[in-house]
Amino acid sequence: MLGPRYRYDSRPVVKLNPVQQEAKLQIEEKLKSGYYKLEEFNCFMCTQRVFDKLSEKDRFGLPVSIVICKRCGLIQTNPRMNDGAYKEFYEKEHSTLTLGERKASKDMFLDQYFHARKIHKYIRRYLPKSYDNFFVLEIGCGAGGILAYFNDLGCRVLGCDLDGDCIEFGRSFYGLEIFKGVFADLKFKGRPKLVIMSHILEHLLNPEVELSLIRNVIDSSGFLYIEVPGIRNLTHTYYDMDFLNFIRIAHTYHFSLTTLNNLLGK
């Protein structure tokens, strides 16, 4: 344990609005009752099960076991909710807990849209001058703001997410071709030239499997854009130099650049 404040006491380290408080209570009840089932597992990076515990709670005050693998250094949630529990969590509680809003909103959409500008600026030098027939696929697209930006550039766009409310908002507000579900179930024609995973990899139960699926469908000259919160980026004002503020129940893995490179090198 990193220290006494990392022991579970149900107290959040950030201020929660009433919507977030309600979502937190729902999640706590499902965890305590066993409705949200937990599973233990070996470290997927090195296959070992030798961990040191770092924390028993997350930024919202929810019970979560954060450990570090003593062999490869990957920080992860273990035990964690199983696949069925996470799917319901993303459908019913994740957005309200994280954003404090019951419904997807225009502000949420525009935040994603403006973030897409930063993504585009970062990768622009690798992309063609013309976006005719340029296929962009986003995994975990939320309300679709990032895809809307690339759509405005002239790209063909497609996305998926588990939050049905966000999907419906993106469809009705912007007419986007986005679908509720996981990437493995997504049907499409052609090979994407750009696959975007913006703050998604850290949510997956098995990132290696997901990356393998992407490798099988992406264009041979295509690009995969991955963006994750980094454990060495606690200087960001959002985290206020506090690792406890960084931890959240939705994140199954907590990457550094080293552990992310280790994953991509497998």
C-alpha atoms as a PDB file:
ATOM      1  CA  MET A   1       0.000   0.000   0.000  1.00  0.00           C
ATOM      2  CA  LEU A   2       1.301   3.434  -0.890  1.00  0.00           C
ATOM      3  CA  GLY A   3      -0.016   4.942   2.341  1.00  0.00           C
ATOM      4  CA  PRO A   4      -2.996   5.160   4.751  1.00  0.00           C
ATOM      5  CA  ARG A   5      -5.024   7.415   2.434  1.00  0.00           C
ATOM      6  CA  TYR A   6      -5.057   4.621  -0.167  1.00  0.00           C
ATOM      7  CA  ARG A   7      -7.049   2.297   2.107  1.00  0.00           C
ATOM      8  CA  TYR A   8     -10.712   1.893   1.191  1.00  0.00           C
ATOM      9  CA  ASP A   9     -12.986   4.213   3.169  1.00  0.00           C
ATOM     10  CA  SER A  10     -15.591   5.127   0.501  1.00  0.00           C
ATOM     11  CA  ARG A  11     -14.521   8.782   0.602  1.00  0.00           C
ATOM     12  CA  PRO A  12     -13.814  10.413  -2.777  1.00  0.00           C
ATOM     13  CA  VAL A  13     -10.777  12.634  -3.316  1.00  0.00           C
ATOM     14  CA  VAL A  14     -12.675  14.789  -5.816  1.00  0.00           C
ATOM     15  CA  LYS A  15     -15.919  16.693  -5.378  1.00  0.00           C
ATOM     16  CA  LEU A  16     -18.897  14.778  -6.786  1.00  0.00           C
ATOM     17  CA  ASN A  17     -22.097  16.395  -7.995  1.00  0.00           C
ATOM     18  CA  PRO A  18     -25.481  14.764  -7.178  1.00  0.00           C
ATOM     19  CA  VAL A  19     -25.502  12.782 -10.437  1.00  0.00           C
ATOM     20  CA  GLN A  20     -22.057  11.362  -9.685  1.00  0.00           C
ATOM     21  CA  GLN A  21     -23.007  10.581  -6.085  1.00  0.00           C
ATOM     22  CA  GLU A  22     -26.034   8.608  -7.274  1.00  0.00           C
ATOM     23  CA  ALA A  23     -23.944   6.666  -9.807  1.00  0.00           C
ATOM     24  CA  LYS A  24     -21.324   5.938  -7.135  1.00  0.00           C
ATOM     25  CA  LEU A  25     -23.953   4.518  -4.774  1.00  0.00           C
ATOM     26  CA  GLN A  26     -25.370   2.297  -7.526  1.00  0.00           C
ATOM     27  CA  ILE A  27     -21.926   0.900  -8.332  1.00  0.00           C
ATOM     28  CA  GLU A  28     -21.092   0.344  -4.648  1.00  0.00           C
ATOM     29  CA  GLU A  29     -24.334  -1.586  -4.121  1.00  0.00           C
ATOM     30  CA  LYS A  30     -23.708  -3.787  -7.157  1.00  0.00           C
ATOM     31  CA  LEU A  31     -20.170  -4.527  -5.993  1.00  0.00           C
ATOM     32  CA  LYS A  32     -21.108  -5.233  -2.368  1.00  0.00           C
ATOM     33  CA  SER A  33     -24.029  -7.477  -3.331  1.00  0.00           C
ATOM     34  CA  GLY A  34     -21.909  -9.447  -5.772  1.00  0.00           C
ATOM     35  CA  TYR A  35     -24.097  -8.420  -8.704  1.00  0.00           C
ATOM     36  CA  TYR A  36     -20.969  -7.005 -10.323  1.00  0.00           C
ATOM     37  CA  LYS A  37     -18.762 -10.069 -10.247  1.00  0.00           C
ATOM     38  CA  LEU A  38     -14.981  -9.824  -9.870  1.00  0.00           C
ATOM     39  CA  GLU A  39     -12.246 -11.950 -11.390  1.00  0.00           C
ATOM     40  CA  GLU A  40      -8.565 -12.475 -10.598  1.00  0.00           C
ATOM     41  CA  PHE A  41      -6.071 -13.097 -13.365  1.00  0.00           C
ATOM     42  CA  ASN A  42      -2.396 -13.400 -14.214  1.00  0.00           C
ATOM     43  CA  CYS A  43      -0.596 -10.357 -15.581  1.00  0.00           C
ATOM     44  CA  PHE A  44      -1.300 -10.515 -19.318  1.00  0.00           C
ATOM     45  CA  MET A  45       2.050  -8.901 -20.098  1.00  0.00           C
ATOM     46  CA  CYS A  46       4.321 -11.463 -18.420  1.00  0.00           C
ATOM     47  CA  THR A  47       1.779 -14.190 -17.388  1.00  0.00           C
ATOM     48  CA  GLN A  48       2.919 -14.049 -13.741  1.00  0.00           C
ATOM     49  CA  ARG A  49       0.778 -13.465 -10.648  1.00  0.00           C
ATOM     50  CA  VAL A  50       3.163 -11.722  -8.265  1.00  0.00           C
ATOM     51  CA  PHE A  51       1.786  -8.332  -7.261  1.00  0.00           C
ATOM     52  CA  ASP A  52       2.205  -5.580  -4.693  1.00  0.00           C
ATOM     53  CA  LYS A  53      -0.964  -3.701  -3.778  1.00  0.00           C
ATOM     54  CA  LEU A  54      -0.866   0.074  -4.268  1.00  0.00           C
ATOM     55  CA  SER A  55      -4.426   1.161  -3.472  1.00  0.00           C
ATOM     56  CA  GLU A  56      -7.829  -0.130  -2.311  1.00  0.00           C
ATOM     57  CA  LYS A  57      -9.897   2.767  -3.687  1.00  0.00           C
ATOM     58  CA  ASP A  58     -10.173   5.108  -6.654  1.00  0.00           C
ATOM     59  CA  ARG A  59     -10.658   8.857  -7.029  1.00  0.00           C
ATOM     60  CA  PHE A  60     -14.429   8.487  -6.571  1.00  0.00           C
ATOM     61  CA  GLY A  61     -14.041   6.506  -3.337  1.00  0.00           C
ATOM     62  CA  LEU A  62     -15.073   3.243  -4.985  1.00  0.00           C
ATOM     63  CA  PRO A  63     -13.476  -0.034  -3.861  1.00  0.00           C
ATOM     64  CA  VAL A  64     -10.833  -1.073  -6.374  1.00  0.00           C
ATOM     65  CA  SER A  65      -7.657  -3.137  -6.033  1.00  0.00           C
ATOM     66  CA  ILE A  66      -4.740  -1.444  -7.801  1.00  0.00           C
ATOM     67  CA  VAL A  67      -1.591  -3.574  -7.977  1.00  0.00           C
ATOM     68  CA  ILE A  68       1.783  -3.476  -9.681  1.00  0.00           C
ATOM     69  CA  CYS A  69       3.319  -6.569 -11.247  1.00  0.00           C
ATOM     70  CA  LYS A  70       6.625  -7.253  -9.488  1.00  0.00           C
ATOM     71  CA  ARG A  71       8.050  -8.826 -12.626  1.00  0.00           C
ATOM     72  CA  CYS A  72       7.189  -6.446 -15.496  1.00  0.00           C
ATOM     73  CA  GLY A  73       6.016  -3.302 -13.676  1.00  0.00           C
ATOM     74  CA  LEU A  74       2.560  -3.076 -15.259  1.00  0.00           C
ATOM     75  CA  ILE A  75       0.074  -1.358 -12.947  1.00  0.00           C
ATOM     76  CA  GLN A  76      -3.380  -2.901 -13.189  1.00  0.00           C
ATOM     77  CA  THR A  77      -6.715  -3.448 -11.477  1.00  0.00           C
ATOM     78  CA  ASN A  78      -6.732  -6.972 -10.021  1.00  0.00           C
ATOM     79  CA  PRO A  79      -9.178  -8.408  -9.157  1.00  0.00           C
ATOM     80  CA  ARG A  80     -11.452  -6.486 -11.493  1.00  0.00           C
ATOM     81  CA  MET A  81     -15.041  -6.664 -12.701  1.00  0.00           C
ATOM     82  CA  ASN A  82     -15.681  -9.336 -15.296  1.00  0.00           C
ATOM     83  CA  ASP A  83     -16.758  -8.695 -18.872  1.00  0.00           C
ATOM     84  CA  GLY A  84     -20.484  -8.755 -18.152  1.00  0.00           C
ATOM     85  CA  ALA A  85     -20.159  -6.348 -15.236  1.00  0.00           C
ATOM     86  CA  TYR A  86     -18.055  -3.902 -17.228  1.00  0.00           C
ATOM     87  CA  LYS A  87     -20.531  -3.925 -20.126  1.00  0.00           C
ATOM     88  CA  GLU A  88     -23.405  -2.949 -17.832  1.00  0.00           C
ATOM     89  CA  PHE A  89     -21.185  -0.409 -16.078  1.00  0.00           C
ATOM     90  CA  TYR A  90     -20.437   1.315 -19.393  1.00  0.00           C
ATOM     91  CA  GLU A  91     -24.061   1.192 -20.480  1.00  0.00           C
ATOM     92  CA  LYS A  92     -25.519   2.567 -17.249  1.00  0.00           C
ATOM     93  CA  GLU A  93     -22.992   4.301 -14.998  1.00  0.00           C
ATOM     94  CA  HIS A  94     -19.664   5.200 -16.571  1.00  0.00           C
ATOM     95  CA  SER A  95     -20.634   8.486 -18.231  1.00  0.00           C
ATOM     96  CA  THR A  96     -22.688   9.718 -15.295  1.00  0.00           C
ATOM     97  CA  LEU A  97     -19.924   8.857 -12.822  1.00  0.00           C
ATOM     98  CA  THR A  98     -17.133  10.344 -14.918  1.00  0.00           C
ATOM     99  CA  LEU A  99     -18.833  13.391 -16.436  1.00  0.00           C
ATOM    100  CA  GLY A 100     -21.629  14.057 -13.964  1.00  0.00           C
ATOM    101  CA  GLU A 101     -24.291  14.216 -16.689  1.00  0.00           C
ATOM    102  CA  ARG A 102     -27.270  11.899 -17.111  1.00  0.00           C
ATOM    103  CA  LYS A 103     -27.422  12.321 -20.877  1.00  0.00           C
ATOM    104  CA  ALA A 104     -24.925  12.947 -23.636  1.00  0.00           C
ATOM    105  CA  SER A 105     -24.787  16.659 -24.377  1.00  0.00           C
ATOM    106  CA  LYS A 106     -23.632  19.094 -27.013  1.00  0.00           C
ATOM    107  CA  ASP A 107     -20.845  20.223 -24.667  1.00  0.00           C
ATOM    108  CA  MET A 108     -19.581  16.638 -24.388  1.00  0.00           C
ATOM    109  CA  PHE A 109     -19.701  16.298 -28.167  1.00  0.00           C
ATOM    110  CA  LEU A 110     -17.832  19.566 -28.722  1.00  0.00           C
ATOM    111  CA  ASP A 111     -15.145  18.618 -26.193  1.00  0.00           C
ATOM    112  CA  GLN A 112     -14.475  15.546 -28.314  1.00  0.00           C
ATOM    113  CA  TYR A 113     -14.577  17.598 -31.518  1.00  0.00           C
ATOM    114  CA  PHE A 114     -11.977  20.066 -30.262  1.00  0.00           C
ATOM    115  CA  HIS A 115      -9.821  17.227 -28.966  1.00  0.00           C
ATOM    116  CA  ALA A 116      -9.869  15.784 -32.486  1.00  0.00           C
ATOM    117  CA  ARG A 117      -8.140  18.956 -33.676  1.00  0.00           C
ATOM    118  CA  LYS A 118      -5.213  18.134 -31.403  1.00  0.00           C
ATOM    119  CA  ILE A 119      -5.133  14.555 -32.643  1.00  0.00           C
ATOM    120  CA  HIS A 120      -5.176  15.705 -36.253  1.00  0.00           C
ATOM    121  CA  LYS A 121      -2.415  18.227 -35.639  1.00  0.00           C
ATOM    122  CA  TYR A 122      -0.276  15.517 -34.038  1.00  0.00           C
ATOM    123  CA  ILE A 123      -0.652  12.990 -36.869  1.00  0.00           C
ATOM    124  CA  ARG A 124      -1.184  15.310 -39.866  1.00  0.00           C
ATOM    125  CA  ARG A 125       2.330  14.842 -41.269  1.00  0.00           C
ATOM    126  CA  TYR A 126       1.700  11.110 -41.657  1.00  0.00           C
ATOM    127  CA  LEU A 127      -1.599  11.496 -43.508  1.00  0.00           C
ATOM    128  CA  PRO A 128      -2.253  12.119 -47.217  1.00  0.00           C
ATOM    129  CA  LYS A 129      -3.000  15.578 -48.594  1.00  0.00           C
ATOM    130  CA  SER A 130      -6.394  14.442 -49.845  1.00  0.00           C
ATOM    131  CA  TYR A 131      -8.917  12.613 -47.666  1.00  0.00           C
ATOM    132  CA  ASP A 132     -10.937  11.185 -50.547  1.00  0.00           C
ATOM    133  CA  ASN A 133     -11.743   7.553 -49.709  1.00  0.00           C
ATOM    134  CA  PHE A 134      -9.837   7.912 -46.426  1.00  0.00           C
ATOM    135  CA  PHE A 135     -11.552   5.602 -43.924  1.00  0.00           C
ATOM    136  CA  VAL A 136     -11.331   6.505 -40.216  1.00  0.00           C
ATOM    137  CA  LEU A 137     -12.566   4.051 -37.588  1.00  0.00           C
ATOM    138  CA  GLU A 138     -12.808   4.921 -33.901  1.00  0.00           C
ATOM    139  CA  ILE A 139     -13.129   2.360 -31.123  1.00  0.00           C
ATOM    140  CA  GLY A 140     -14.922   3.796 -28.099  1.00  0.00           C
ATOM    141  CA  CYS A 141     -16.214   6.841 -29.956  1.00  0.00           C
ATOM    142  CA  GLY A 142     -18.615   8.073 -27.272  1.00  0.00           C
ATOM    143  CA  ALA A 143     -20.925  10.701 -28.767  1.00  0.00           C
ATOM    144  CA  GLY A 144     -18.766  10.839 -31.892  1.00  0.00           C
ATOM    145  CA  GLY A 145     -17.198  14.283 -31.662  1.00  0.00           C
ATOM    146  CA  ILE A 146     -13.796  13.048 -32.847  1.00  0.00           C
ATOM    147  CA  LEU A 147     -15.352  11.292 -35.821  1.00  0.00           C
ATOM    148  CA  ALA A 148     -17.381  14.395 -36.652  1.00  0.00           C
ATOM    149  CA  TYR A 149     -14.169  16.387 -37.018  1.00  0.00           C
ATOM    150  CA  PHE A 150     -12.664  13.860 -39.426  1.00  0.00           C
ATOM    151  CA  ASN A 151     -15.992  13.680 -41.251  1.00  0.00           C
ATOM    152  CA  ASP A 152     -15.774  17.445 -41.786  1.00  0.00           C
ATOM    153  CA  LEU A 153     -12.332  16.938 -43.318  1.00  0.00           C
ATOM    154  CA  GLY A 154     -13.930  14.692 -45.934  1.00  0.00           C
ATOM    155  CA  CYS A 155     -13.133  11.290 -44.436  1.00  0.00           C
ATOM    156  CA  ARG A 156     -15.432   8.305 -44.315  1.00  0.00           C
ATOM    157  CA  VAL A 157     -15.997   7.625 -40.610  1.00  0.00           C
ATOM    158  CA  LEU A 158     -17.317   4.756 -38.523  1.00  0.00           C
ATOM    159  CA  GLY A 159     -17.348   4.114 -34.790  1.00  0.00           C
ATOM    160  CA  CYS A 160     -18.589   1.973 -31.923  1.00  0.00           C
ATOM    161  CA  ASP A 161     -19.190   2.425 -28.207  1.00  0.00           C
ATOM    162  CA  LEU A 162     -20.997   0.636 -25.373  1.00  0.00           C
ATOM    163  CA  ASP A 163     -22.920   3.722 -24.216  1.00  0.00           C
ATOM    164  CA  GLY A 164     -26.231   3.642 -26.078  1.00  0.00           C
ATOM    165  CA  ASP A 165     -27.176   7.182 -25.056  1.00  0.00           C
ATOM    166  CA  CYS A 166     -23.946   8.585 -26.499  1.00  0.00           C
ATOM    167  CA  ILE A 167     -24.451   6.596 -29.692  1.00  0.00           C
ATOM    168  CA  GLU A 168     -27.988   7.910 -30.107  1.00  0.00           C
ATOM    169  CA  PHE A 169     -26.810  11.479 -29.552  1.00  0.00           C
ATOM    170  CA  GLY A 170     -24.103  11.226 -32.208  1.00  0.00           C
ATOM    171  CA  ARG A 171     -26.535   9.735 -34.692  1.00  0.00           C
ATOM    172  CA  SER A 172     -29.311  12.273 -34.149  1.00  0.00           C
ATOM    173  CA  PHE A 173     -27.168  15.376 -33.610  1.00  0.00           C
ATOM    174  CA  TYR A 174     -24.652  14.804 -36.402  1.00  0.00           C
ATOM    175  CA  GLY A 175     -25.920  11.890 -38.480  1.00  0.00           C
ATOM    176  CA  LEU A 176     -22.856   9.795 -37.732  1.00  0.00           C
ATOM    177  CA  GLU A 177     -22.480   6.140 -38.653  1.00  0.00           C
ATOM    178  CA  ILE A 178     -21.798   4.850 -35.163  1.00  0.00           C
ATOM    179  CA  PHE A 179     -23.005   1.685 -33.467  1.00  0.00           C
ATOM    180  CA  LYS A 180     -23.522   0.313 -29.978  1.00  0.00           C
ATOM    181  CA  GLY A 181     -21.237  -2.630 -29.279  1.00  0.00           C
ATOM    182  CA  VAL A 182     -17.633  -3.760 -29.175  1.00  0.00           C
ATOM    183  CA  PHE A 183     -15.141  -3.593 -32.009  1.00  0.00           C
ATOM    184  CA  ALA A 184     -15.157  -7.367 -32.543  1.00  0.00           C
ATOM    185  CA  ASP A 185     -18.858  -7.205 -33.494  1.00  0.00           C
ATOM    186  CA  LEU A 186     -18.542  -4.231 -35.861  1.00  0.00           C
ATOM    187  CA  LYS A 187     -19.257  -5.015 -39.522  1.00  0.00           C
ATOM    188  CA  PHE A 188     -17.874  -2.827 -42.293  1.00  0.00           C
ATOM    189  CA  LYS A 189     -16.528  -2.861 -45.831  1.00  0.00           C
ATOM    190  CA  GLY A 190     -13.008  -1.805 -46.705  1.00  0.00           C
ATOM    191  CA  ARG A 191      -9.916  -1.388 -44.572  1.00  0.00           C
ATOM    192  CA  PRO A 192      -9.535   1.671 -42.344  1.00  0.00           C
ATOM    193  CA  LYS A 193      -6.559   3.912 -43.059  1.00  0.00           C
ATOM    194  CA  LEU A 194      -6.688   5.316 -39.528  1.00  0.00           C
ATOM    195  CA  VAL A 195      -7.908   3.602 -36.350  1.00  0.00           C
ATOM    196  CA  ILE A 196      -8.324   5.847 -33.318  1.00  0.00           C
ATOM    197  CA  MET A 197      -8.216   4.627 -29.717  1.00  0.00           C
ATOM    198  CA  SER A 198      -8.355   7.787 -27.625  1.00  0.00           C
ATOM    199  CA  HIS A 199      -8.448   6.874 -23.924  1.00  0.00           C
ATOM    200  CA  ILE A 200      -9.730   3.379 -24.703  1.00  0.00           C
ATOM    201  CA  LEU A 201      -6.814   0.952 -24.360  1.00  0.00           C
ATOM    202  CA  GLU A 202      -6.698   1.400 -20.580  1.00  0.00           C
ATOM    203  CA  HIS A 203     -10.339   0.254 -20.349  1.00  0.00           C
ATOM    204  CA  LEU A 204      -9.939  -3.096 -22.114  1.00  0.00           C
ATOM    205  CA  LEU A 205      -9.800  -6.471 -20.393  1.00  0.00           C
ATOM    206  CA  ASN A 206      -7.341  -7.862 -22.935  1.00  0.00           C
ATOM    207  CA  PRO A 207      -5.615  -5.127 -24.961  1.00  0.00           C
ATOM    208  CA  GLU A 208      -3.438  -7.664 -26.771  1.00  0.00           C
ATOM    209  CA  VAL A 209      -6.477  -9.378 -28.310  1.00  0.00           C
ATOM    210  CA  GLU A 210      -7.985  -6.045 -29.374  1.00  0.00           C
ATOM    211  CA  LEU A 211      -4.739  -4.951 -31.016  1.00  0.00           C
ATOM    212  CA  SER A 212      -4.571  -8.251 -32.868  1.00  0.00           C
ATOM    213  CA  LEU A 213      -8.092  -7.697 -34.230  1.00  0.00           C
ATOM    214  CA  ILE A 214      -7.109  -4.231 -35.409  1.00  0.00           C
ATOM    215  CA  ARG A 215      -3.992  -5.585 -37.084  1.00  0.00           C
ATOM    216  CA  ASN A 216      -6.177  -7.968 -39.079  1.00  0.00           C
ATOM    217  CA  VAL A 217      -8.439  -5.259 -40.530  1.00  0.00           C
ATOM    218  CA  ILE A 218      -6.349  -2.094 -40.839  1.00  0.00           C
ATOM    219  CA  ASP A 219      -4.972  -1.087 -44.229  1.00  0.00           C
ATOM    220  CA  SER A 220      -1.389  -2.212 -44.837  1.00  0.00           C
ATOM    221  CA  SER A 221      -0.331   1.447 -45.038  1.00  0.00           C
ATOM    222  CA  GLY A 222      -2.676   2.567 -42.275  1.00  0.00           C
ATOM    223  CA  PHE A 223      -2.038   4.101 -38.866  1.00  0.00           C
ATOM    224  CA  LEU A 224      -3.194   3.274 -35.357  1.00  0.00           C
ATOM    225  CA  TYR A 225      -3.481   6.266 -33.027  1.00  0.00           C
ATOM    226  CA  ILE A 226      -3.351   5.329 -29.335  1.00  0.00           C
ATOM    227  CA  GLU A 227      -3.752   7.834 -26.513  1.00  0.00           C
ATOM    228  CA  VAL A 228      -3.774   6.803 -22.859  1.00  0.00           C
ATOM    229  CA  PRO A 229      -3.405   8.615 -19.530  1.00  0.00           C
ATOM    230  CA  GLY A 230       0.180   8.120 -18.377  1.00  0.00           C
ATOM    231  CA  ILE A 231       1.150   7.388 -14.790  1.00  0.00           C
ATOM    232  CA  ARG A 232       4.174   9.662 -15.194  1.00  0.00           C
ATOM    233  CA  ASN A 233       1.938  12.549 -16.217  1.00  0.00           C
ATOM    234  CA  LEU A 234       0.628  13.362 -12.753  1.00  0.00           C
ATOM    235  CA  THR A 235       1.901  16.917 -13.204  1.00  0.00           C
ATOM    236  CA  HIS A 236      -1.158  17.504 -15.391  1.00  0.00           C
ATOM    237  CA  THR A 237      -3.454  19.919 -13.552  1.00  0.00           C
ATOM    238  CA  TYR A 238      -6.285  17.379 -13.817  1.00  0.00           C
ATOM    239  CA  TYR A 239      -4.424  15.025 -11.443  1.00  0.00           C
ATOM    240  CA  ASP A 240      -2.817  17.658  -9.208  1.00  0.00           C
ATOM    241  CA  MET A 241       0.295  15.490  -8.589  1.00  0.00           C
ATOM    242  CA  ASP A 242      -1.882  12.881  -6.869  1.00  0.00           C
ATOM    243  CA  PHE A 243      -1.797   9.227  -7.954  1.00  0.00           C
ATOM    244  CA  LEU A 244      -5.042   8.583  -6.069  1.00  0.00           C
ATOM    245  CA  ASN A 245      -6.693  11.248  -8.214  1.00  0.00           C
ATOM    246  CA  PHE A 246      -5.413   9.344 -11.264  1.00  0.00           C
ATOM    247  CA  ILE A 247      -7.012   6.004 -10.307  1.00  0.00           C
ATOM    248  CA  ARG A 248     -10.505   5.156 -11.517  1.00  0.00           C
ATOM    249  CA  ILE A 249     -12.511   1.955 -11.479  1.00  0.00           C
ATOM    250  CA  ALA A 250     -13.066   2.082 -15.244  1.00  0.00           C
ATOM    251  CA  HIS A 251      -9.348   1.667 -15.960  1.00  0.00           C
ATOM    252  CA  THR A 252      -8.137  -1.926 -15.980  1.00  0.00           C
ATOM    253  CA  TYR A 253      -4.551  -0.925 -16.803  1.00  0.00           C
ATOM    254  CA  HIS A 254      -2.447   2.102 -15.908  1.00  0.00           C
ATOM    255  CA  PHE A 255       0.305   2.549 -18.463  1.00  0.00           C
ATOM    256  CA  SER A 256       3.642   4.280 -18.510  1.00  0.00           C
ATOM    257  CA  LEU A 257       5.388   4.805 -21.841  1.00  0.00           C
ATOM    258  CA  THR A 258       7.577   1.804 -20.996  1.00  0.00           C
ATOM    259  CA  THR A 259       4.717  -0.599 -20.281  1.00  0.00           C
ATOM    260  CA  LEU A 260       2.770   0.675 -23.298  1.00  0.00           C
ATOM    261  CA  ASN A 261       5.792   0.032 -25.519  1.00  0.00           C
ATOM    262  CA  ASN A 262       6.126  -3.425 -23.952  1.00  0.00           C
ATOM    263  CA  LEU A 263       2.528  -4.164 -24.949  1.00  0.00           C
ATOM    264  CA  LEU A 264       2.933  -2.905 -28.507  1.00  0.00           C
ATOM    265  CA  GLY A 265       6.146  -4.877 -28.874  1.00  0.00           C
ATOM    266  CA  LYS A 266       4.518  -8.219 -28.034  1.00  0.00           C
END
